[in-house]
C-alpha atoms as a PDB file:
ATOM      1  CA  UNK A   1       6.299  17.090 -19.205  1.00  0.00           C
ATOM      2  CA  UNK A   2       3.685  15.758 -16.754  1.00  0.00           C
ATOM      3  CA  UNK A   3       1.455  12.874 -17.645  1.00  0.00           C
ATOM      4  CA  UNK A   4      -2.282  13.094 -17.065  1.00  0.00           C
ATOM      5  CA  UNK A   5      -2.160  10.603 -14.164  1.00  0.00           C
ATOM      6  CA  UNK A   6       0.711  12.496 -12.501  1.00  0.00           C
ATOM      7  CA  UNK A   7      -1.286  15.745 -12.717  1.00  0.00           C
ATOM      8  CA  UNK A   8      -4.348  14.107 -11.166  1.00  0.00           C
ATOM      9  CA  UNK A   9      -2.224  12.632  -8.367  1.00  0.00           C
ATOM     10  CA  UNK A  10      -0.675  16.037  -7.733  1.00  0.00           C
ATOM     11  CA  UNK A  11      -4.134  17.649  -7.558  1.00  0.00           C
ATOM     12  CA  UNK A  12      -5.434  14.996  -5.133  1.00  0.00           C
ATOM     13  CA  UNK A  13      -2.360  15.448  -2.934  1.00  0.00           C
ATOM     14  CA  UNK A  14      -2.916  19.220  -2.828  1.00  0.00           C
ATOM     15  CA  UNK A  15      -6.550  18.751  -1.749  1.00  0.00           C
ATOM     16  CA  UNK A  16      -5.562  16.235   0.950  1.00  0.00           C
ATOM     17  CA  UNK A  17      -2.984  18.660   2.324  1.00  0.00           C
ATOM     18  CA  UNK A  18      -5.550  21.478   2.197  1.00  0.00           C
ATOM     19  CA  UNK A  19      -8.114  19.668   4.382  1.00  0.00           C
ATOM     20  CA  UNK A  20      -5.409  18.587   6.823  1.00  0.00           C
ATOM     21  CA  UNK A  21      -4.541  22.255   7.279  1.00  0.00           C
ATOM     22  CA  UNK A  22      -8.188  23.269   7.682  1.00  0.00           C
ATOM     23  CA  UNK A  23      -9.677  20.720  10.123  1.00  0.00           C
ATOM     24  CA  UNK A  24      -7.439  20.016  13.130  1.00  0.00           C
ATOM     25  CA  UNK A  25      -8.549  16.400  13.594  1.00  0.00           C
ATOM     26  CA  UNK A  26     -11.429  14.053  12.828  1.00  0.00           C
ATOM     27  CA  UNK A  27     -14.758  15.679  13.740  1.00  0.00           C
ATOM     28  CA  UNK A  28     -16.288  14.248  16.918  1.00  0.00           C
ATOM     29  CA  UNK A  29     -19.839  12.942  17.065  1.00  0.00           C
ATOM     30  CA  UNK A  30     -21.324  12.153  20.456  1.00  0.00           C
ATOM     31  CA  UNK A  31     -24.741  11.094  21.690  1.00  0.00           C
ATOM     32  CA  UNK A  32     -26.297  13.394  24.299  1.00  0.00           C
ATOM     33  CA  UNK A  33     -29.878  13.817  25.524  1.00  0.00           C
ATOM     34  CA  UNK A  34     -31.457  12.048  22.553  1.00  0.00           C
ATOM     35  CA  UNK A  35     -29.425  14.020  20.020  1.00  0.00           C
ATOM     36  CA  UNK A  36     -26.101  13.643  18.260  1.00  0.00           C
ATOM     37  CA  UNK A  37     -23.674  16.560  18.557  1.00  0.00           C
ATOM     38  CA  UNK A  38     -21.022  16.938  15.842  1.00  0.00           C
ATOM     39  CA  UNK A  39     -18.021  19.196  16.575  1.00  0.00           C
ATOM     40  CA  UNK A  40     -14.935  20.179  14.618  1.00  0.00           C
ATOM     41  CA  UNK A  41     -12.190  22.755  14.953  1.00  0.00           C
ATOM     42  CA  UNK A  42     -10.306  24.571  12.237  1.00  0.00           C
ATOM     43  CA  UNK A  43      -6.777  25.921  12.155  1.00  0.00           C
ATOM     44  CA  UNK A  44      -6.646  27.857   8.886  1.00  0.00           C
ATOM     45  CA  UNK A  45      -9.693  28.688   6.788  1.00  0.00           C
ATOM     46  CA  UNK A  46      -7.838  30.508   4.018  1.00  0.00           C
ATOM     47  CA  UNK A  47      -9.647  29.748   0.756  1.00  0.00           C
ATOM     48  CA  UNK A  48     -12.532  27.921   2.505  1.00  0.00           C
ATOM     49  CA  UNK A  49     -16.067  28.907   1.461  1.00  0.00           C
ATOM     50  CA  UNK A  50     -18.244  26.645   3.635  1.00  0.00           C
ATOM     51  CA  UNK A  51     -18.614  23.381   5.511  1.00  0.00           C
ATOM     52  CA  UNK A  52     -21.291  20.712   5.000  1.00  0.00           C
ATOM     53  CA  UNK A  53     -22.143  18.300   7.816  1.00  0.00           C
ATOM     54  CA  UNK A  54     -23.078  14.988   6.197  1.00  0.00           C
ATOM     55  CA  UNK A  55     -24.849  11.987   7.754  1.00  0.00           C
ATOM     56  CA  UNK A  56     -25.271   8.381   6.665  1.00  0.00           C
ATOM     57  CA  UNK A  57     -27.270   5.624   8.288  1.00  0.00           C
ATOM     58  CA  UNK A  58     -24.894   2.669   8.368  1.00  0.00           C
ATOM     59  CA  UNK A  59     -26.433  -0.590   7.202  1.00  0.00           C
ATOM     60  CA  UNK A  60     -24.550  -3.855   7.137  1.00  0.00           C
ATOM     61  CA  UNK A  61     -23.480  -4.954   3.692  1.00  0.00           C
ATOM     62  CA  UNK A  62     -24.189  -1.622   1.980  1.00  0.00           C
ATOM     63  CA  UNK A  63     -22.159   1.423   1.020  1.00  0.00           C
ATOM     64  CA  UNK A  64     -22.716   4.533   3.169  1.00  0.00           C
ATOM     65  CA  UNK A  65     -24.929   7.090   1.423  1.00  0.00           C
ATOM     66  CA  UNK A  66     -24.282  10.512   2.909  1.00  0.00           C
ATOM     67  CA  UNK A  67     -26.774  13.369   2.821  1.00  0.00           C
ATOM     68  CA  UNK A  68     -26.122  16.996   3.757  1.00  0.00           C
ATOM     69  CA  UNK A  69     -27.886  17.812   7.023  1.00  0.00           C
ATOM     70  CA  UNK A  70     -26.411  21.288   7.571  1.00  0.00           C
ATOM     71  CA  UNK A  71     -24.237  23.853   5.806  1.00  0.00           C
ATOM     72  CA  UNK A  72     -22.374  26.710   7.440  1.00  0.00           C
ATOM     73  CA  UNK A  73     -20.218  29.468   5.961  1.00  0.00           C
ATOM     74  CA  UNK A  74     -16.595  29.647   7.052  1.00  0.00           C
ATOM     75  CA  UNK A  75     -16.231  32.363   9.711  1.00  0.00           C
ATOM     76  CA  UNK A  76     -12.484  32.672  10.178  1.00  0.00           C
ATOM     77  CA  UNK A  77      -9.630  30.994  11.906  1.00  0.00           C
ATOM     78  CA  UNK A  78      -9.271  29.287  14.286  1.00  0.00           C
ATOM     79  CA  UNK A  79     -12.914  28.403  14.811  1.00  0.00           C
ATOM     80  CA  UNK A  80     -14.998  25.778  16.544  1.00  0.00           C
ATOM     81  CA  UNK A  81     -18.177  24.553  14.891  1.00  0.00           C
ATOM     82  CA  UNK A  82     -21.027  22.573  16.436  1.00  0.00           C
ATOM     83  CA  UNK A  83     -24.065  20.959  14.865  1.00  0.00           C
ATOM     84  CA  UNK A  84     -26.795  19.254  16.908  1.00  0.00           C
ATOM     85  CA  UNK A  85     -28.672  16.612  14.942  1.00  0.00           C
ATOM     86  CA  UNK A  86     -32.153  16.396  16.420  1.00  0.00           C
ATOM     87  CA  UNK A  87     -33.631  14.523  13.460  1.00  0.00           C
ATOM     88  CA  UNK A  88     -32.063  11.097  14.075  1.00  0.00           C
ATOM     89  CA  UNK A  89     -35.122   9.943  16.014  1.00  0.00           C
ATOM     90  CA  UNK A  90     -37.394  10.701  13.069  1.00  0.00           C
ATOM     91  CA  UNK A  91     -35.913   7.783  11.119  1.00  0.00           C
ATOM     92  CA  UNK A  92     -35.529   4.076  11.775  1.00  0.00           C
ATOM     93  CA  UNK A  93     -33.047   2.933  14.375  1.00  0.00           C
ATOM     94  CA  UNK A  94     -29.469   2.342  13.405  1.00  0.00           C
ATOM     95  CA  UNK A  95     -25.940   3.605  13.587  1.00  0.00           C
ATOM     96  CA  UNK A  96     -25.428   7.074  12.170  1.00  0.00           C
ATOM     97  CA  UNK A  97     -22.025   8.208  10.947  1.00  0.00           C
ATOM     98  CA  UNK A  98     -20.944  11.755  10.143  1.00  0.00           C
ATOM     99  CA  UNK A  99     -18.305  13.591   8.144  1.00  0.00           C
ATOM    100  CA  UNK A 100     -17.589  17.214   7.288  1.00  0.00           C
ATOM    101  CA  UNK A 101     -17.139  18.321   3.689  1.00  0.00           C
ATOM    102  CA  UNK A 102     -14.918  21.374   3.222  1.00  0.00           C
ATOM    103  CA  UNK A 103     -15.789  23.524   0.176  1.00  0.00           C
ATOM    104  CA  UNK A 104     -13.021  25.731  -1.174  1.00  0.00           C
ATOM    105  CA  UNK A 105     -13.414  29.050  -3.000  1.00  0.00           C
ATOM    106  CA  UNK A 106     -12.204  27.425  -6.250  1.00  0.00           C
ATOM    107  CA  UNK A 107     -15.203  25.033  -6.222  1.00  0.00           C
ATOM    108  CA  UNK A 108     -13.279  21.941  -5.109  1.00  0.00           C
ATOM    109  CA  UNK A 109     -14.107  20.043  -1.935  1.00  0.00           C
ATOM    110  CA  UNK A 110     -12.587  17.478   0.380  1.00  0.00           C
ATOM    111  CA  UNK A 111     -14.138  15.244   3.039  1.00  0.00           C
ATOM    112  CA  UNK A 112     -12.978  14.666   6.592  1.00  0.00           C
ATOM    113  CA  UNK A 113     -12.619  11.222   8.061  1.00  0.00           C
ATOM    114  CA  UNK A 114     -15.870   9.569   9.167  1.00  0.00           C
ATOM    115  CA  UNK A 115     -16.915   9.954  12.835  1.00  0.00           C
ATOM    116  CA  UNK A 116     -18.743   7.194  14.680  1.00  0.00           C
ATOM    117  CA  UNK A 117     -21.024   8.218  17.562  1.00  0.00           C
ATOM    118  CA  UNK A 118     -22.695   5.706  19.836  1.00  0.00           C
ATOM    119  CA  UNK A 119     -25.602   3.913  18.191  1.00  0.00           C
ATOM    120  CA  UNK A 120     -28.849   5.845  18.496  1.00  0.00           C
ATOM    121  CA  UNK A 121     -32.225   4.229  19.070  1.00  0.00           C
ATOM    122  CA  UNK A 122     -35.203   5.477  17.131  1.00  0.00           C
ATOM    123  CA  UNK A 123     -38.150   7.141  18.848  1.00  0.00           C
ATOM    124  CA  UNK A 124     -40.173   3.950  18.283  1.00  0.00           C
ATOM    125  CA  UNK A 125     -37.628   2.011  20.332  1.00  0.00           C
ATOM    126  CA  UNK A 126     -37.731   4.665  23.065  1.00  0.00           C
ATOM    127  CA  UNK A 127     -41.539   4.491  23.201  1.00  0.00           C
ATOM    128  CA  UNK A 128     -41.452   0.678  23.398  1.00  0.00           C
ATOM    129  CA  UNK A 129     -38.929   0.771  26.242  1.00  0.00           C
ATOM    130  CA  UNK A 130     -41.096   3.335  28.025  1.00  0.00           C
ATOM    131  CA  UNK A 131     -44.075   0.988  27.719  1.00  0.00           C
ATOM    132  CA  UNK A 132     -42.095  -1.911  29.165  1.00  0.00           C
ATOM    133  CA  UNK A 133     -40.953   0.185  32.129  1.00  0.00           C
ATOM    134  CA  UNK A 134     -44.528   1.354  32.742  1.00  0.00           C
ATOM    135  CA  UNK A 135     -45.713  -2.286  33.111  1.00  0.00           C
ATOM    136  CA  UNK A 136     -43.508  -2.684  36.180  1.00  0.00           C
ATOM    137  CA  UNK A 137     -44.573   0.486  38.003  1.00  0.00           C
END
């Protein structure tokens, strides 16, 4: 007879194995042309309903609070997904981190590891730098 804690551990292990079989490796997040591009590849999407791209603005001394910035339905296997985050310059400056949440057909979900792109400056910082450069023209 299984105990309650053993059943929970077994369930968590099954979910961890499931995401490892779905996403090949940690999603990448890279800074390019004022935007952050998040990419991930899948190996087997059996039982996967959708993916959520989640973003948090990292602040020292606080817990990351992730919000969903994009959702996409699973399209098949193997697949490559890309999301371009153009909204990072509409918020204060800081370091943005990303992860991908995998939603399964049974209603459960599992999160990928967190990806760390290069720090992104806000549009206010870009405008200030532009002003400084203009003084020396």
